[in-house]
Amino acid sequence: MRLDKLKTILEKRDTDYCIIFNRSNITYFTDFNAGLALSISKDETTLYVPRLEYDRALEELKGDINIAIKDWDEIERIMRAIKISEKAFSELLSYDLENLSERKIAAIIYKLILDYGGDDVAFKPIIASGSNTHKPHHEFSDRVVKRGDVLIIDFGTKYRNYCSDLTRTLCLGYIDGRVKDMYYAVLEAQKEAIKSVRHGIEASRIDEIARQVLREYGLHDHFIHGLGHGVGINIHEKPSINPCSEDILQEGNIITIEPGIYIRDNLGVRVEDMVLVEKSLGKVLTSLPRDVLLL
């Protein structure tokens, strides 16, 4: 158990007592998502919960720590969260999205995630259409999607405390040649970055590989965020994959690879998939087609 590992570390450090207040860390060690504090000593472990959660805690509590390295139980939960997202996205494509607002599309995603067994969305969905696509973290607005729009959909599922994260770019009605060229440059950058994923590589190196591809297309100045991040109990965890990162990828990390291009006040495109770091390669966990989608 994870608590046993923590107790072993405390013994090695000659530490008698530890108390944890961070909600994500409490969830990691106990698999219970409503703890207020967790105290650990050699002889006793105590979880403090709100009075209204006491009965649920009694029912659910499961009798070198690094939450960035996932065990198989965690991997299976994340894979289940991914599958729920993929089912929700596939059904979303059966809707006539033209003339729906970004807000309405977000509401449909919320419903589909719950319908397919998700516990919640992993974060507030990013539904960006038209000129809103140039803002990487736009979230959603009352703007109505129109024929000819580029539409970025970035969302995730939370399943048994673990998250997924997925982005696809759609075009409604037709694909503008400029958009197509931008998107396939981004897709090439993502593919090259994924090829480089393996245990022991510097996270900043993977980011640079993606930027080099975009540099060859003269688009690197429009890639304005990091290439990716770890995912687990939190939607953003270590390792951080950006030019300044000092993290080293380790077997068992689950990361996103999400290059994007954003032309100020105009448009943007992005693609995002989740990858499991293995000893000699990266295993893509998401299975949806990555080509730009025409609706």
Protein backbone atom coordinates (compact mmCIF):
# COMPACT_ATOMS: atom_id res chain seq x y z
CA MET A 1 0.00 0.00 0.00
CA ARG A 2 1.07 3.59 -0.56
CA LEU A 3 0.82 4.35 3.17
CA ASP A 4 3.23 1.51 3.89
CA LYS A 5 5.73 3.06 1.47
CA LEU A 6 5.36 6.41 3.21
CA LYS A 7 5.95 4.83 6.61
CA THR A 8 9.11 3.19 5.27
CA ILE A 9 10.39 6.58 4.12
CA LEU A 10 9.60 8.11 7.52
CA GLU A 11 11.62 5.37 9.20
CA LYS A 12 14.59 5.92 6.87
CA ARG A 13 14.52 9.63 7.70
CA ASP A 14 14.17 8.93 11.42
CA THR A 15 10.88 10.87 11.44
CA ASP A 16 8.27 9.94 14.02
CA TYR A 17 5.24 11.79 12.75
CA CYS A 18 3.85 13.29 9.54
CA ILE A 19 0.67 15.27 8.89
CA ILE A 20 -0.69 16.03 5.41
CA PHE A 21 -3.17 18.79 4.56
CA ASN A 22 -2.96 18.88 0.76
CA ARG A 23 -6.22 17.41 -0.58
CA SER A 24 -4.64 15.74 -3.61
CA ASN A 25 -1.96 14.05 -1.47
CA ILE A 26 -4.59 12.84 1.00
CA THR A 27 -6.56 11.34 -1.88
CA TYR A 28 -3.42 9.69 -3.24
CA PHE A 29 -2.57 7.96 0.03
CA THR A 30 -6.11 7.01 1.10
CA ASP A 31 -8.18 6.88 -2.12
CA PHE A 32 -10.72 9.02 -0.26
CA ASN A 33 -11.48 12.43 -1.79
CA ALA A 34 -12.97 14.38 1.12
CA GLY A 35 -10.26 14.20 3.78
CA LEU A 36 -9.30 17.31 5.72
CA ALA A 37 -6.01 16.04 7.14
CA LEU A 38 -4.04 12.81 7.37
CA SER A 39 -1.68 12.04 10.24
CA ILE A 40 0.80 9.17 10.05
CA SER A 41 3.09 7.74 12.69
CA LYS A 42 4.85 4.39 13.03
CA ASP A 43 1.97 2.97 15.06
CA GLU A 44 -1.12 4.84 13.93
CA THR A 45 -2.72 6.49 10.89
CA THR A 46 -5.66 8.87 11.30
CA LEU A 47 -7.78 10.48 8.58
CA TYR A 48 -9.77 13.54 9.61
CA VAL A 49 -13.01 14.04 7.67
CA PRO A 50 -16.09 16.31 7.86
CA ARG A 51 -18.82 14.92 10.08
CA LEU A 52 -21.13 14.43 7.08
CA GLU A 53 -18.48 12.27 5.35
CA TYR A 54 -17.76 10.03 8.34
CA ASP A 55 -19.97 7.08 7.31
CA ARG A 56 -18.71 7.15 3.72
CA ALA A 57 -15.12 7.21 4.96
CA LEU A 58 -15.73 4.10 7.08
CA GLU A 59 -17.08 2.30 4.00
CA GLU A 60 -14.48 3.41 1.47
CA LEU A 61 -11.19 3.85 3.33
CA LYS A 62 -8.52 1.44 2.17
CA GLY A 63 -6.83 -0.07 4.91
CA ASP A 64 10.50 7.03 -2.37
CA ILE A 65 6.72 8.33 -2.83
CA ASN A 66 6.21 10.04 -6.22
CA ILE A 67 2.62 10.58 -7.35
CA ALA A 68 3.92 11.31 -10.84
CA ILE A 69 4.78 7.60 -11.20
CA LYS A 70 1.54 5.69 -11.60
CA ASP A 71 0.88 2.14 -10.44
CA TRP A 72 -1.36 -0.18 -12.47
CA ASP A 73 -4.49 0.68 -10.50
CA GLU A 74 -3.95 4.36 -11.27
CA ILE A 75 -3.19 3.65 -14.92
CA GLU A 76 -6.38 1.62 -15.26
CA ARG A 77 -8.47 4.42 -13.76
CA ILE A 78 -6.92 6.99 -16.08
CA MET A 79 -7.50 4.72 -19.06
CA ARG A 80 -11.14 4.37 -18.04
CA ALA A 81 -11.41 8.17 -17.80
CA ILE A 82 -9.93 8.40 -21.31
CA LYS A 83 -12.42 5.90 -22.72
CA ILE A 84 -15.33 7.84 -21.22
CA SER A 85 -14.03 11.04 -22.81
CA GLU A 86 -13.63 9.33 -26.16
CA LYS A 87 -17.17 7.96 -26.07
CA ALA A 88 -18.50 11.38 -25.13
CA PHE A 89 -16.55 13.07 -27.93
CA SER A 90 -17.64 10.51 -30.52
CA GLU A 91 -21.28 11.03 -29.61
CA LEU A 92 -20.82 14.81 -29.62
CA LEU A 93 -19.85 14.57 -33.30
CA SER A 94 -23.32 13.18 -34.07
CA TYR A 95 -24.83 16.54 -33.01
CA ASP A 96 -25.34 19.39 -35.45
CA LEU A 97 -22.91 21.77 -33.77
CA GLU A 98 -23.54 24.63 -36.20
CA ASN A 99 -25.69 27.33 -34.55
CA LEU A 100 -25.03 25.97 -31.06
CA SER A 101 -23.26 28.23 -28.57
CA GLU A 102 -19.95 27.28 -27.02
CA ARG A 103 -21.79 27.13 -23.70
CA LYS A 104 -24.35 24.66 -25.07
CA ILE A 105 -21.60 22.41 -26.44
CA ALA A 106 -19.92 22.45 -23.02
CA ALA A 107 -23.26 21.47 -21.42
CA ILE A 108 -23.61 18.55 -23.82
CA ILE A 109 -20.12 17.35 -22.90
CA TYR A 110 -20.93 17.55 -19.18
CA LYS A 111 -24.03 15.41 -19.73
CA LEU A 112 -22.31 12.84 -21.93
CA ILE A 113 -19.47 12.35 -19.45
CA LEU A 114 -21.97 11.60 -16.70
CA ASP A 115 -24.05 9.39 -19.01
CA TYR A 116 -21.01 7.26 -19.83
CA GLY A 117 -20.01 6.73 -16.20
CA GLY A 118 -17.72 9.64 -15.38
CA ASP A 119 -17.91 11.15 -11.93
CA ASP A 120 -17.33 14.72 -13.14
CA VAL A 121 -15.47 16.76 -15.69
CA ALA A 122 -11.75 16.93 -14.91
CA PHE A 123 -11.76 20.70 -15.51
CA LYS A 124 -14.00 23.35 -17.01
CA PRO A 125 -14.18 22.45 -20.72
CA ILE A 126 -12.45 24.66 -23.26
CA ILE A 127 -14.83 25.22 -26.17
CA ALA A 128 -13.32 27.84 -28.46
CA SER A 129 -14.75 28.78 -31.85
CA GLY A 130 -13.76 31.26 -34.54
CA SER A 131 -11.48 34.02 -33.27
CA ASN A 132 -11.75 32.63 -29.73
CA THR A 133 -9.45 29.80 -30.79
CA HIS A 134 -6.40 32.09 -30.53
CA LYS A 135 -6.77 32.02 -26.71
CA PRO A 136 -5.36 28.71 -25.37
CA HIS A 137 -7.46 28.78 -22.16
CA HIS A 138 -10.60 30.43 -23.48
CA GLU A 139 -13.06 28.06 -21.66
CA PHE A 140 -16.46 28.85 -23.28
CA SER A 141 -18.79 31.77 -24.02
CA ASP A 142 -22.19 32.49 -25.55
CA ARG A 143 -20.67 32.83 -29.03
CA VAL A 144 -22.61 30.77 -31.58
CA VAL A 145 -20.64 28.39 -33.77
CA LYS A 146 -20.96 29.19 -37.48
CA ARG A 147 -20.23 27.45 -40.76
CA GLY A 148 -16.56 27.90 -41.64
CA ASP A 149 -15.47 28.17 -37.99
CA VAL A 150 -12.50 26.39 -36.49
CA LEU A 151 -13.60 24.76 -33.22
CA ILE A 152 -11.18 23.61 -30.49
CA ILE A 153 -12.62 21.20 -27.93
CA ASP A 154 -10.41 20.50 -24.90
CA PHE A 155 -11.96 18.56 -22.02
CA GLY A 156 -11.44 15.69 -19.61
CA THR A 157 -13.23 13.18 -17.42
CA LYS A 158 -12.72 12.51 -13.74
CA TYR A 159 -13.21 8.84 -12.86
CA ARG A 160 -12.62 7.47 -9.34
CA ASN A 161 -10.47 10.52 -8.52
CA TYR A 162 -8.29 10.33 -11.68
CA CYS A 163 -8.34 12.60 -14.73
CA SER A 164 -8.09 12.46 -18.49
CA ASP A 165 -7.26 15.31 -20.90
CA LEU A 166 -8.03 15.42 -24.62
CA THR A 167 -8.07 18.08 -27.36
CA ARG A 168 -9.27 17.95 -30.95
CA THR A 169 -9.65 20.65 -33.61
CA LEU A 170 -12.74 20.64 -35.83
CA CYS A 171 -13.73 22.62 -38.92
CA LEU A 172 -17.39 23.23 -39.68
CA GLY A 173 -18.47 23.02 -43.30
CA TYR A 174 -15.07 23.35 -44.96
CA ILE A 175 -11.35 23.50 -44.15
CA ASP A 176 -9.48 26.66 -45.07
CA GLY A 177 -6.12 25.92 -46.68
CA ARG A 178 -4.24 28.03 -44.15
CA VAL A 179 -5.89 26.23 -41.25
CA LYS A 180 -5.08 22.85 -42.79
CA ASP A 181 -1.39 23.79 -43.20
CA MET A 182 -1.18 25.06 -39.60
CA TYR A 183 -2.89 21.99 -38.21
CA TYR A 184 -0.70 19.47 -40.00
CA ALA A 185 2.42 21.32 -38.86
CA VAL A 186 1.11 20.96 -35.28
CA LEU A 187 0.29 17.30 -35.85
CA GLU A 188 3.79 16.62 -37.20
CA ALA A 189 5.27 18.37 -34.14
CA GLN A 190 3.16 16.16 -31.88
CA LYS A 191 4.14 12.95 -33.68
CA GLU A 192 7.85 13.75 -33.50
CA ALA A 193 7.59 14.62 -29.80
CA ILE A 194 5.76 11.37 -29.02
CA LYS A 195 8.46 9.38 -30.83
CA SER A 196 11.03 10.81 -28.42
CA VAL A 197 9.15 9.88 -25.22
CA ARG A 198 10.97 7.33 -23.06
CA HIS A 199 12.27 6.76 -19.56
CA GLY A 200 15.21 9.04 -18.71
CA ILE A 201 14.77 11.75 -21.32
CA GLU A 202 14.72 15.40 -20.23
CA ALA A 203 11.23 16.87 -20.47
CA SER A 204 12.66 20.07 -21.94
CA ARG A 205 14.20 18.02 -24.76
CA ILE A 206 10.79 16.71 -25.83
CA ASP A 207 9.45 20.27 -25.84
CA GLU A 208 12.38 21.38 -28.02
CA ILE A 209 11.76 18.58 -30.53
CA ALA A 210 8.21 19.82 -31.08
CA ARG A 211 9.35 23.45 -31.35
CA GLN A 212 12.00 22.51 -33.90
CA VAL A 213 9.35 21.05 -36.20
CA LEU A 214 7.30 24.25 -35.93
CA ARG A 215 10.47 26.30 -36.45
CA GLU A 216 10.94 24.60 -39.81
CA TYR A 217 7.48 25.85 -40.81
CA GLY A 218 8.14 29.35 -39.47
CA LEU A 219 5.43 28.91 -36.83
CA HIS A 220 7.42 28.45 -33.61
CA ASP A 221 6.76 32.00 -32.39
CA HIS A 222 3.05 31.14 -32.31
CA PHE A 223 3.52 28.16 -29.96
CA ILE A 224 3.05 30.08 -26.72
CA HIS A 225 2.70 27.42 -24.00
CA GLY A 226 4.49 24.32 -22.80
CA LEU A 227 4.19 21.08 -24.72
CA GLY A 228 2.52 19.13 -21.94
CA HIS A 229 2.21 18.04 -18.32
CA GLY A 230 1.61 15.06 -16.11
CA VAL A 231 -1.96 13.92 -15.35
CA GLY A 232 -3.31 11.94 -12.42
CA ILE A 233 -5.38 12.93 -9.41
CA ASN A 234 -4.74 16.50 -10.56
CA ILE A 235 -5.18 17.61 -14.14
CA HIS A 236 -1.74 19.28 -14.01
CA GLU A 237 1.03 17.33 -12.26
CA LYS A 238 4.71 16.67 -12.66
CA PRO A 239 6.48 16.21 -14.97
CA SER A 240 6.18 19.61 -16.62
CA ILE A 241 7.11 19.55 -20.30
CA ASN A 242 8.26 23.03 -21.27
CA PRO A 243 11.51 24.80 -22.22
CA CYS A 244 12.39 25.60 -18.59
CA SER A 245 11.54 22.22 -17.07
CA GLU A 246 14.19 20.38 -15.08
CA ASP A 247 12.07 17.22 -14.89
CA ILE A 248 13.24 13.86 -16.23
CA LEU A 249 10.61 11.48 -17.58
CA GLN A 250 10.28 8.26 -15.60
CA GLU A 251 8.64 4.98 -16.44
CA GLY A 252 5.06 5.16 -15.15
CA ASN A 253 4.53 8.87 -15.84
CA ILE A 254 1.35 9.68 -17.75
CA ILE A 255 1.74 12.91 -19.71
CA THR A 256 0.01 15.02 -22.32
CA ILE A 257 1.60 16.06 -25.61
CA GLU A 258 -0.34 19.11 -26.82
CA PRO A 259 1.33 21.45 -29.29
CA GLY A 260 -0.71 24.37 -30.62
CA ILE A 261 -0.41 27.44 -32.81
CA TYR A 262 -2.21 30.70 -32.01
CA ILE A 263 -2.41 33.68 -34.36
CA ARG A 264 -3.30 36.73 -32.27
CA ASP A 265 -6.89 37.99 -32.70
CA ASN A 266 -7.41 35.48 -35.48
CA LEU A 267 -7.33 31.71 -34.96
CA GLY A 268 -5.67 28.78 -33.28
CA VAL A 269 -5.32 25.00 -33.63
CA ARG A 270 -4.25 22.36 -31.09
CA VAL A 271 -4.13 18.57 -30.73
CA GLU A 272 -3.63 16.74 -27.43
CA ASP A 273 -3.16 13.10 -26.51
CA MET A 274 -2.14 11.26 -23.35
CA VAL A 275 0.99 9.12 -23.32
CA LEU A 276 2.27 6.52 -20.86
CA VAL A 277 6.03 6.68 -20.41
CA GLU A 278 7.58 3.24 -20.76
CA LYS A 279 11.22 2.18 -20.62
CA SER A 280 12.06 2.68 -24.29
CA LEU A 281 9.04 4.45 -25.77
CA GLY A 282 5.83 6.36 -25.16
CA LYS A 283 2.54 4.46 -25.42
CA VAL A 284 -0.31 6.63 -26.70
CA LEU A 285 -3.36 5.92 -24.53
CA THR A 286 -5.89 7.93 -26.53
CA SER A 287 -7.29 6.28 -29.65
CA LEU A 288 -9.39 8.93 -31.42
CA PRO A 289 -8.26 9.92 -34.94
CA ARG A 290 -5.89 12.88 -34.84
CA ASP A 291 -6.57 14.33 -38.29
CA VAL A 292 -8.42 17.62 -38.37
CA LEU A 293 -12.13 16.74 -38.33
CA LEU A 294 -14.54 18.17 -40.91
CA LEU A 295 -18.19 18.40 -39.85
